[in-house]
Amino acid sequence: MKFSAIFFSLFLLLACGKKSEQAMVKNFSIPAPTAGSSTTGLTYLALGDSYTIGESVQQMDSFPYQLVAQLKAANLSMVSEPKIIARTGWTTGELQTAIKAENLTAKYDIVTLLIGVNNQYRGDSQALYKKEFVELLNTAIAFAKGDKKRVFVVSIPDWGVTPFAKQSGRNAKVIAEEIDAFNAINRAETMTMGISYTDITPGSRNAATDATLIAADGLHPSGKMYLDWAKKVAPAVVNAVK
């Protein structure tokens, strides 16, 4: 039974990425502006995986869109629709490949980066993660017009406290230790480069006792958790751009 549970969890995560591919195409590029939306103001590029597209929540409840809302509430003039390059299941290497495929020439006033959970999930080496994460940091800086102060890294949340993890048969303590190890890498590299780092991991672990922090799929964050992330990142953004 334990083997079956592990196999099922791996299948579900991979299938989620496959099945989400078409559904998330609209998130891959900037959607057409909706009525009343702003097309002028500070531009924002969000790089990541399912935690950036907001798997299993409404688009406006995703982290990038809630961050835009927080920045507007802080009286920053923002383009309403962030540019998002992210997809469920992506590792650092797959994000790099996708960025190259986009062939972006635009520069952005704000860039966020949240990546690494799938490296941990698949058992990828920490050495490879470190190498590719540093490369992504440099890519983010380039997109931010070469200004490190306009780049904002968010730590990897702990999916080990979710119902999905409990049903998978994987050890929550081991998951937590591995997430912490990957976060130690991204924190160290981010701080070394003088880039803003927001640690949302401790808060993500509150989902162990607060079901409202988890989306209906039992794995990804709810809009409530994404709002907490947005509120934590927003002050750093405001201080950097004002």
Protein backbone atom coordinates (compact mmCIF):
# COMPACT_ATOMS: atom_id res chain seq x y z
CA MET A 1 0.00 0.00 0.00
CA LYS A 2 2.82 2.42 0.81
CA PHE A 3 4.39 1.90 -2.64
CA SER A 4 1.01 2.48 -4.29
CA ALA A 5 0.51 5.70 -2.34
CA ILE A 6 3.91 7.03 -3.35
CA PHE A 7 3.32 6.10 -6.99
CA PHE A 8 -0.09 7.75 -6.92
CA SER A 9 1.32 10.98 -5.46
CA LEU A 10 4.00 11.17 -8.14
CA PHE A 11 1.43 10.46 -10.84
CA LEU A 12 -0.93 13.10 -9.48
CA LEU A 13 1.71 15.82 -9.37
CA LEU A 14 2.92 15.07 -12.89
CA ALA A 15 -0.62 14.74 -14.19
CA CYS A 16 -1.51 18.04 -12.58
CA GLY A 17 1.25 19.69 -14.57
CA LYS A 18 0.10 18.04 -17.81
CA LYS A 19 -3.59 18.76 -17.29
CA SER A 20 -2.85 22.33 -16.22
CA GLU A 21 -0.79 23.10 -19.31
CA GLN A 22 -3.71 24.26 -21.45
CA ALA A 23 -5.58 25.79 -18.54
CA MET A 24 -2.58 27.91 -17.62
CA VAL A 25 -1.68 29.17 -21.10
CA LYS A 26 -3.37 32.45 -20.23
CA ASN A 27 -0.94 32.84 -17.34
CA PHE A 28 2.10 32.19 -19.50
CA SER A 29 1.82 35.60 -21.18
CA ILE A 30 0.17 38.86 -20.23
CA PRO A 31 -3.60 38.49 -20.79
CA ALA A 32 -5.45 41.10 -22.83
CA PRO A 33 -6.35 44.02 -20.52
CA THR A 34 -9.83 43.77 -19.06
CA ALA A 35 -12.23 46.66 -18.98
CA GLY A 36 -11.00 49.30 -16.56
CA SER A 37 -7.59 47.69 -16.08
CA SER A 38 -4.46 49.82 -16.08
CA THR A 39 -1.98 49.51 -18.95
CA THR A 40 0.37 52.16 -17.61
CA GLY A 41 2.51 52.16 -14.51
CA LEU A 42 5.22 49.95 -13.06
CA THR A 43 5.67 46.65 -14.89
CA TYR A 44 6.04 43.33 -13.06
CA LEU A 45 7.53 40.00 -14.15
CA ALA A 46 6.83 36.93 -11.99
CA LEU A 47 9.03 33.85 -12.47
CA GLY A 48 8.32 30.48 -10.90
CA ASP A 49 6.15 27.36 -10.83
CA SER A 50 2.69 26.41 -9.52
CA TYR A 51 3.10 28.78 -6.57
CA THR A 52 3.39 31.66 -9.04
CA ILE A 53 0.56 30.76 -11.42
CA GLY A 54 -1.66 30.02 -8.44
CA GLU A 55 -2.62 26.42 -9.18
CA SER A 56 -6.18 25.68 -7.95
CA VAL A 57 -7.11 29.28 -7.10
CA GLN A 58 -8.70 32.06 -9.13
CA GLN A 59 -6.21 34.21 -11.03
CA MET A 60 -6.90 37.28 -8.89
CA ASP A 61 -6.13 35.21 -5.77
CA SER A 62 -2.68 34.16 -7.03
CA PHE A 63 0.45 35.59 -5.46
CA PRO A 64 1.43 37.93 -8.35
CA TYR A 65 -2.04 39.44 -8.69
CA GLN A 66 -2.41 39.91 -4.95
CA LEU A 67 1.03 41.53 -4.85
CA VAL A 68 -0.11 43.98 -7.53
CA ALA A 69 -3.19 44.75 -5.42
CA GLN A 70 -1.04 45.37 -2.34
CA LEU A 71 1.28 47.67 -4.26
CA LYS A 72 -1.66 49.64 -5.62
CA ALA A 73 -3.00 49.95 -2.07
CA ALA A 74 0.40 51.43 -1.16
CA ASN A 75 -0.18 54.10 -3.83
CA LEU A 76 2.15 52.67 -6.45
CA SER A 77 1.00 53.04 -10.04
CA MET A 78 1.01 49.50 -11.41
CA VAL A 79 0.22 47.81 -14.71
CA SER A 80 -2.76 45.67 -13.67
CA GLU A 81 -1.66 42.48 -15.41
CA PRO A 82 1.71 41.04 -14.36
CA LYS A 83 3.76 39.15 -16.90
CA ILE A 84 4.01 35.58 -15.66
CA ILE A 85 6.38 32.83 -16.74
CA ALA A 86 5.49 29.84 -14.58
CA ARG A 87 3.88 26.43 -14.78
CA THR A 88 3.02 23.61 -12.42
CA GLY A 89 5.84 21.11 -12.04
CA TRP A 90 8.69 23.29 -13.27
CA THR A 91 12.17 22.95 -11.82
CA THR A 92 14.86 25.61 -12.07
CA GLY A 93 16.08 24.06 -15.33
CA GLU A 94 12.62 23.98 -16.88
CA LEU A 95 12.02 27.60 -15.89
CA GLN A 96 15.29 28.53 -17.61
CA THR A 97 14.19 26.71 -20.77
CA ALA A 98 10.81 28.46 -20.74
CA ILE A 99 12.37 31.89 -20.30
CA LYS A 100 14.61 31.29 -23.31
CA ALA A 101 11.61 30.09 -25.34
CA GLU A 102 9.71 33.29 -24.53
CA ASN A 103 12.54 35.31 -26.09
CA LEU A 104 11.61 38.35 -24.02
CA THR A 105 13.17 41.65 -24.93
CA ALA A 106 11.16 43.77 -22.50
CA LYS A 107 12.56 45.00 -19.20
CA TYR A 108 10.54 45.24 -15.99
CA ASP A 109 10.37 47.52 -12.98
CA ILE A 110 9.78 44.61 -10.58
CA VAL A 111 10.80 40.93 -10.83
CA THR A 112 9.92 38.16 -8.38
CA LEU A 113 11.46 34.68 -8.30
CA LEU A 114 10.07 31.67 -6.43
CA ILE A 115 11.42 28.32 -7.60
CA GLY A 116 12.74 25.05 -6.22
CA VAL A 117 9.94 22.92 -4.79
CA ASN A 118 9.98 20.57 -7.78
CA ASN A 119 13.75 20.21 -7.54
CA GLN A 120 13.18 18.99 -3.98
CA TYR A 121 10.18 16.83 -4.90
CA ARG A 122 12.07 15.01 -7.65
CA GLY A 123 15.18 14.53 -5.55
CA ASP A 124 17.38 16.72 -7.75
CA SER A 125 20.85 17.50 -6.47
CA GLN A 126 21.31 20.58 -4.34
CA ALA A 127 24.48 21.39 -6.30
CA LEU A 128 22.50 21.58 -9.54
CA TYR A 129 19.83 23.68 -7.85
CA LYS A 130 22.45 26.13 -6.58
CA LYS A 131 23.98 26.50 -10.03
CA GLU A 132 20.67 27.03 -11.82
CA PHE A 133 19.25 29.26 -9.10
CA VAL A 134 22.23 31.61 -9.36
CA GLU A 135 21.75 31.69 -13.12
CA LEU A 136 18.08 32.56 -12.64
CA LEU A 137 19.03 35.33 -10.22
CA ASN A 138 21.27 36.85 -12.88
CA THR A 139 18.49 36.48 -15.43
CA ALA A 140 16.07 38.24 -13.07
CA ILE A 141 18.53 41.10 -12.57
CA ALA A 142 18.87 41.47 -16.34
CA PHE A 143 15.08 41.66 -16.68
CA ALA A 144 15.04 44.27 -13.90
CA LYS A 145 17.17 46.62 -16.00
CA GLY A 146 20.28 45.51 -14.15
CA ASP A 147 18.96 46.84 -10.83
CA LYS A 148 19.29 44.28 -8.01
CA LYS A 149 17.01 46.37 -5.82
CA ARG A 150 14.12 45.58 -8.16
CA VAL A 151 14.45 41.79 -7.75
CA PHE A 152 12.58 39.97 -4.96
CA VAL A 153 13.11 36.32 -4.05
CA VAL A 154 10.52 34.33 -2.13
CA SER A 155 11.41 31.16 -0.20
CA ILE A 156 9.95 27.72 -0.99
CA PRO A 157 6.88 26.82 1.10
CA ASP A 158 6.67 23.48 2.90
CA TRP A 159 4.22 21.21 1.08
CA GLY A 160 4.91 18.47 3.63
CA VAL A 161 2.17 19.82 5.92
CA THR A 162 -0.56 19.43 3.28
CA PRO A 163 -3.23 16.71 3.08
CA PHE A 164 -1.67 15.62 -0.22
CA ALA A 165 1.66 15.00 1.49
CA LYS A 166 0.04 13.06 4.30
CA GLN A 167 -1.71 10.81 1.79
CA SER A 168 1.42 10.33 -0.29
CA GLY A 169 3.24 8.24 2.26
CA ARG A 170 6.25 10.53 2.25
CA ASN A 171 7.79 11.57 5.55
CA ALA A 172 6.81 15.13 6.53
CA LYS A 173 9.95 15.56 8.65
CA VAL A 174 12.19 14.59 5.74
CA ILE A 175 10.30 16.92 3.40
CA ALA A 176 10.74 19.78 5.87
CA GLU A 177 14.45 19.11 6.22
CA GLU A 178 14.92 19.01 2.45
CA ILE A 179 12.88 22.18 1.93
CA ASP A 180 15.01 23.90 4.56
CA ALA A 181 18.18 22.75 2.78
CA PHE A 182 17.03 24.13 -0.56
CA ASN A 183 15.95 27.36 1.11
CA ALA A 184 19.34 27.66 2.80
CA ILE A 185 20.83 27.65 -0.69
CA ASN A 186 18.48 30.20 -2.22
CA ARG A 187 18.73 32.45 0.84
CA ALA A 188 22.53 32.40 0.88
CA GLU A 189 22.85 33.09 -2.85
CA THR A 190 20.22 35.81 -2.73
CA MET A 191 21.82 37.59 0.23
CA THR A 192 25.30 37.26 -1.28
CA MET A 193 24.08 39.12 -4.35
CA GLY A 194 22.42 41.83 -2.26
CA ILE A 195 18.88 40.95 -3.36
CA SER A 196 15.71 41.12 -1.26
CA TYR A 197 14.67 37.81 0.32
CA THR A 198 11.29 37.08 1.89
CA ASP A 199 10.97 33.95 4.03
CA ILE A 200 7.37 32.69 3.81
CA THR A 201 8.23 29.11 4.80
CA PRO A 202 7.41 29.33 8.53
CA GLY A 203 3.99 30.76 7.71
CA SER A 204 3.34 28.03 5.15
CA ARG A 205 3.71 25.47 7.93
CA ASN A 206 0.70 26.94 9.69
CA ALA A 207 -1.32 24.96 7.15
CA ALA A 208 -0.69 21.93 9.34
CA THR A 209 -3.38 23.25 11.69
CA ASP A 210 -5.24 25.75 9.48
CA ALA A 211 -7.05 24.14 6.54
CA THR A 212 -8.06 27.55 5.16
CA LEU A 213 -4.47 28.04 4.01
CA ILE A 214 -4.74 25.16 1.53
CA ALA A 215 -6.57 25.16 -1.81
CA ALA A 216 -9.27 22.64 -2.69
CA ASP A 217 -6.73 20.29 -4.30
CA GLY A 218 -5.19 19.61 -0.89
CA LEU A 219 -1.70 20.55 -2.06
CA HIS A 220 -1.34 24.16 -3.17
CA PRO A 221 -1.81 27.34 -1.12
CA SER A 222 -5.17 29.06 -0.94
CA GLY A 223 -5.73 32.70 -1.77
CA LYS A 224 -5.49 33.40 1.96
CA MET A 225 -1.92 32.12 2.09
CA TYR A 226 -0.97 33.96 -1.09
CA LEU A 227 -2.31 37.16 0.46
CA ASP A 228 0.02 36.63 3.41
CA TRP A 229 2.95 36.28 1.00
CA ALA A 230 1.94 39.42 -0.88
CA LYS A 231 1.71 41.41 2.34
CA LYS A 232 5.19 40.25 3.33
CA VAL A 233 6.81 41.07 -0.03
CA ALA A 234 5.03 44.36 -0.70
CA PRO A 235 6.93 46.56 1.83
CA ALA A 236 10.27 45.57 0.31
CA VAL A 237 8.99 46.43 -3.16
CA VAL A 238 7.60 49.78 -2.01
CA ASN A 239 10.90 50.70 -0.35
CA ALA A 240 12.84 49.77 -3.49
CA VAL A 241 10.80 51.67 -6.05
CA LYS A 242 9.81 54.81 -4.17
